[in-house]
C-alpha atoms as a PDB file:
ATOM      1  CA  MET A   1     -64.589  16.260-180.237  1.00  0.00           C
ATOM      2  CA  LEU A   2     -65.938  19.652-179.362  1.00  0.00           C
ATOM      3  CA  GLN A   3     -67.982  18.512-176.523  1.00  0.00           C
ATOM      4  CA  LYS A   4     -65.021  16.447-175.084  1.00  0.00           C
ATOM      5  CA  MET A   5     -62.643  19.676-175.136  1.00  0.00           C
ATOM      6  CA  GLY A   6     -65.335  21.505-173.420  1.00  0.00           C
ATOM      7  CA  LEU A   7     -65.974  19.221-170.749  1.00  0.00           C
ATOM      8  CA  VAL A   8     -62.045  19.160-170.162  1.00  0.00           C
ATOM      9  CA  GLY A   9     -62.488  23.050-169.753  1.00  0.00           C
ATOM     10  CA  VAL A  10     -65.068  22.822-167.411  1.00  0.00           C
ATOM     11  CA  LEU A  11     -63.052  20.387-165.198  1.00  0.00           C
ATOM     12  CA  VAL A  12     -59.897  22.664-165.409  1.00  0.00           C
ATOM     13  CA  SER A  13     -61.672  25.899-164.403  1.00  0.00           C
ATOM     14  CA  ALA A  14     -63.535  23.594-161.683  1.00  0.00           C
ATOM     15  CA  GLY A  15     -59.752  22.538-160.630  1.00  0.00           C
ATOM     16  CA  LEU A  16     -58.529  26.086-160.235  1.00  0.00           C
ATOM     17  CA  LEU A  17     -61.446  27.709-158.288  1.00  0.00           C
ATOM     18  CA  VAL A  18     -60.743  24.912-155.548  1.00  0.00           C
ATOM     19  CA  GLY A  19     -57.377  26.850-154.769  1.00  0.00           C
ATOM     20  CA  CYS A  20     -58.917  30.191-155.058  1.00  0.00           C
ATOM     21  CA  ALA A  21     -60.409  32.446-152.470  1.00  0.00           C
ATOM     22  CA  GLU A  22     -61.796  36.111-153.351  1.00  0.00           C
ATOM     23  CA  GLY A  23     -59.518  36.598-156.045  1.00  0.00           C
ATOM     24  CA  GLY A  24     -56.575  34.962-154.291  1.00  0.00           C
ATOM     25  CA  LEU A  25     -54.807  31.679-153.752  1.00  0.00           C
ATOM     26  CA  MET A  26     -55.955  29.234-150.846  1.00  0.00           C
ATOM     27  CA  VAL A  27     -53.083  27.339-149.645  1.00  0.00           C
ATOM     28  CA  ARG A  28     -53.940  24.475-147.063  1.00  0.00           C
ATOM     29  CA  VAL A  29     -50.258  24.615-145.637  1.00  0.00           C
ATOM     30  CA  ALA A  30     -49.617  27.132-142.908  1.00  0.00           C
ATOM     31  CA  PRO A  31     -46.689  29.433-144.013  1.00  0.00           C
ATOM     32  CA  PRO A  32     -43.179  29.232-142.306  1.00  0.00           C
ATOM     33  CA  ALA A  33     -42.025  32.295-139.775  1.00  0.00           C
ATOM     34  CA  PRO A  34     -40.844  35.184-141.778  1.00  0.00           C
ATOM     35  CA  ILE A  35     -36.823  35.186-142.006  1.00  0.00           C
ATOM     36  CA  ILE A  36     -35.618  38.098-140.021  1.00  0.00           C
ATOM     37  CA  GLU A  37     -33.454  40.516-142.479  1.00  0.00           C
ATOM     38  CA  SER A  38     -30.653  42.939-141.649  1.00  0.00           C
ATOM     39  CA  TYR A  39     -31.508  46.083-144.214  1.00  0.00           C
ATOM     40  CA  GLY A  40     -28.887  48.191-142.835  1.00  0.00           C
ATOM     41  CA  SER A  41     -29.570  52.239-144.057  1.00  0.00           C
ATOM     42  CA  ALA A  42     -31.728  53.260-146.827  1.00  0.00           C
ATOM     43  CA  PRO A  43     -29.834  54.173-149.734  1.00  0.00           C
ATOM     44  CA  GLY A  44     -31.154  57.894-149.791  1.00  0.00           C
ATOM     45  CA  PRO A  45     -34.074  60.231-148.469  1.00  0.00           C
ATOM     46  CA  GLY A  46     -37.767  59.065-149.160  1.00  0.00           C
ATOM     47  CA  TYR A  47     -36.978  55.225-149.130  1.00  0.00           C
ATOM     48  CA  VAL A  48     -38.626  52.867-146.984  1.00  0.00           C
ATOM     49  CA  TRP A  49     -38.011  49.117-146.511  1.00  0.00           C
ATOM     50  CA  GLN A  50     -40.084  46.472-147.971  1.00  0.00           C
ATOM     51  CA  PRO A  51     -39.627  43.567-145.480  1.00  0.00           C
ATOM     52  CA  GLY A  52     -39.579  40.011-147.266  1.00  0.00           C
ATOM     53  CA  TYR A  53     -42.486  37.301-147.258  1.00  0.00           C
ATOM     54  CA  GLN A  54     -43.040  33.808-147.583  1.00  0.00           C
ATOM     55  CA  ARG A  55     -44.704  33.205-151.114  1.00  0.00           C
ATOM     56  CA  TRP A  56     -46.136  30.234-152.433  1.00  0.00           C
ATOM     57  CA  ASP A  57     -44.768  28.821-155.734  1.00  0.00           C
ATOM     58  CA  GLY A  58     -47.098  26.054-156.287  1.00  0.00           C
ATOM     59  CA  ARG A  59     -45.223  23.429-154.454  1.00  0.00           C
ATOM     60  CA  GLY A  60     -43.826  25.033-151.172  1.00  0.00           C
ATOM     61  CA  TYR A  61     -42.880  28.323-149.792  1.00  0.00           C
ATOM     62  CA  VAL A  62     -40.240  30.414-150.920  1.00  0.00           C
ATOM     63  CA  TRP A  63     -38.711  33.472-149.422  1.00  0.00           C
ATOM     64  CA  ALA A  64     -39.085  36.610-151.251  1.00  0.00           C
ATOM     65  CA  PRO A  65     -36.346  38.491-149.801  1.00  0.00           C
ATOM     66  CA  GLY A  66     -37.389  42.463-148.932  1.00  0.00           C
ATOM     67  CA  HIS A  67     -35.717  45.576-150.649  1.00  0.00           C
ATOM     68  CA  TRP A  68     -35.832  49.621-150.389  1.00  0.00           C
ATOM     69  CA  GLU A  69     -38.571  51.366-152.215  1.00  0.00           C
ATOM     70  CA  ARG A  70     -38.859  54.941-152.860  1.00  0.00           C
ATOM     71  CA  VAL A  71     -42.027  56.070-151.453  1.00  0.00           C
ATOM     72  CA  PRO A  72     -44.592  57.408-154.324  1.00  0.00           C
ATOM     73  CA  ARG A  73     -46.037  60.307-152.364  1.00  0.00           C
ATOM     74  CA  ALA A  74     -46.055  62.199-149.386  1.00  0.00           C
ATOM     75  CA  ARG A  75     -47.362  60.534-146.348  1.00  0.00           C
ATOM     76  CA  ALA A  76     -47.874  57.135-148.094  1.00  0.00           C
ATOM     77  CA  ARG A  77     -47.786  53.887-145.955  1.00  0.00           C
ATOM     78  CA  TRP A  78     -46.484  50.733-147.157  1.00  0.00           C
ATOM     79  CA  ILE A  79     -48.856  47.772-146.430  1.00  0.00           C
ATOM     80  CA  ALA A  80     -46.936  44.587-145.941  1.00  0.00           C
ATOM     81  CA  PRO A  81     -47.786  41.495-147.967  1.00  0.00           C
ATOM     82  CA  HIS A  82     -49.196  38.752-145.502  1.00  0.00           C
ATOM     83  CA  TRP A  83     -50.928  35.706-145.145  1.00  0.00           C
ATOM     84  CA  GLN A  84     -54.305  35.449-143.619  1.00  0.00           C
ATOM     85  CA  GLN A  85     -55.910  32.636-142.094  1.00  0.00           C
ATOM     86  CA  ARG A  86     -59.402  31.581-143.404  1.00  0.00           C
ATOM     87  CA  ARG A  87     -61.607  28.810-143.457  1.00  0.00           C
ATOM     88  CA  GLY A  88     -59.930  25.968-145.198  1.00  0.00           C
ATOM     89  CA  GLY A  89     -56.314  27.413-145.303  1.00  0.00           C
ATOM     90  CA  TRP A  90     -54.357  30.485-145.737  1.00  0.00           C
ATOM     91  CA  VAL A  91     -55.032  33.527-148.360  1.00  0.00           C
ATOM     92  CA  PHE A  92     -52.195  35.397-149.541  1.00  0.00           C
ATOM     93  CA  VAL A  93     -52.853  39.426-149.271  1.00  0.00           C
ATOM     94  CA  GLU A  94     -50.693  41.424-151.315  1.00  0.00           C
ATOM     95  CA  GLY A  95     -48.959  44.392-150.003  1.00  0.00           C
ATOM     96  CA  ARG A  96     -49.829  47.779-150.913  1.00  0.00           C
ATOM     97  CA  TRP A  97     -49.214  51.720-150.606  1.00  0.00           C
ATOM     98  CA  ARG A  98     -51.832  53.472-148.302  1.00  0.00           C
END
């Protein structure tokens, strides 16, 4: 019984790695074009608009709407999340402050 559970664990782990690339999710279907959002004025000084993006929910792409975010420190720059095409599919790169 223990050997059977070990084999199942190995197979599940191998299946998870097939869809991973460099610590990120690999999707074989290209993301749709981004939705153009209207965002109006910032809620106050020191805010930057973080645009929405297409996220993968395991079955398909879902739009994650943009939002206003307070800048964490002087001269910080927001690098928006995006999809990069790689061999075999598309990899999601998280947004971050630089």
